[in-house]
């Protein structure tokens, strides 16, 4: 999964691995804890870009 980074162009966004998801009050996923370059960051799903669909 690519993690949006406002300081770089779309083709250079870092790859991240989703560690944990958090649901909003309606039961939909709203934020994710993502490991990027050895650090964990919490990002809203609107700032994530899915690369492939897991079966």
Protein backbone atom coordinates (compact mmCIF):
# COMPACT_ATOMS: atom_id res chain seq x y z
CA UNK A 1 0.00 0.00 0.00
CA UNK A 2 1.32 3.43 -0.86
CA UNK A 3 1.13 6.09 1.83
CA UNK A 4 0.38 9.61 0.57
CA UNK A 5 3.17 12.06 1.26
CA UNK A 6 2.52 15.73 0.56
CA UNK A 7 6.26 16.40 0.22
CA UNK A 8 6.84 14.06 -2.73
CA UNK A 9 5.24 13.31 -6.08
CA UNK A 10 2.79 10.43 -6.46
CA UNK A 11 5.35 8.16 -8.12
CA UNK A 12 7.65 8.45 -5.10
CA UNK A 13 5.22 7.74 -2.25
CA UNK A 14 6.63 5.22 0.25
CA UNK A 15 5.29 1.68 0.58
CA UNK A 16 3.66 0.75 3.86
CA UNK A 17 2.36 -2.37 5.60
CA UNK A 18 -0.97 -2.09 7.45
CA UNK A 19 -0.53 -3.23 11.06
CA UNK A 20 -3.93 -2.35 12.53
CA UNK A 21 -7.23 -0.75 11.46
CA UNK A 22 -9.67 1.38 13.47
CA UNK A 23 -13.38 1.57 12.77
CA UNK A 24 -15.49 4.70 12.99
CA UNK A 25 -18.85 4.89 14.75
CA UNK A 26 -20.66 3.39 11.72
CA UNK A 27 -18.39 0.34 11.61
CA UNK A 28 -16.36 1.46 8.57
CA UNK A 29 -12.56 1.56 8.60
CA UNK A 30 -11.45 5.17 9.10
CA UNK A 31 -7.77 5.02 10.13
CA UNK A 32 -4.91 2.55 9.85
CA UNK A 33 -1.67 2.06 11.73
CA UNK A 34 0.90 1.65 8.94
CA UNK A 35 4.57 0.61 9.19
CA UNK A 36 6.63 2.78 6.81
CA UNK A 37 10.44 2.60 6.69
CA UNK A 38 10.63 1.00 10.14
CA UNK A 39 8.31 3.47 11.89
CA UNK A 40 4.59 3.22 12.62
CA UNK A 41 2.28 6.02 11.57
CA UNK A 42 -1.47 6.44 11.93
CA UNK A 43 -3.05 7.58 8.67
CA UNK A 44 -6.65 8.10 7.54
CA UNK A 45 -7.74 5.72 4.78
CA UNK A 46 -8.09 8.70 2.45
CA UNK A 47 -4.28 9.01 2.50
CA UNK A 48 -3.68 5.37 1.51
CA UNK A 49 -3.54 3.93 -1.99
CA UNK A 50 -4.21 0.17 -2.33
CA UNK A 51 -1.85 -1.61 -4.72
CA UNK A 52 -3.55 -5.00 -5.03
CA UNK A 53 -6.59 -6.76 -3.64
CA UNK A 54 -5.84 -9.58 -1.20
CA UNK A 55 -7.92 -12.69 -1.79
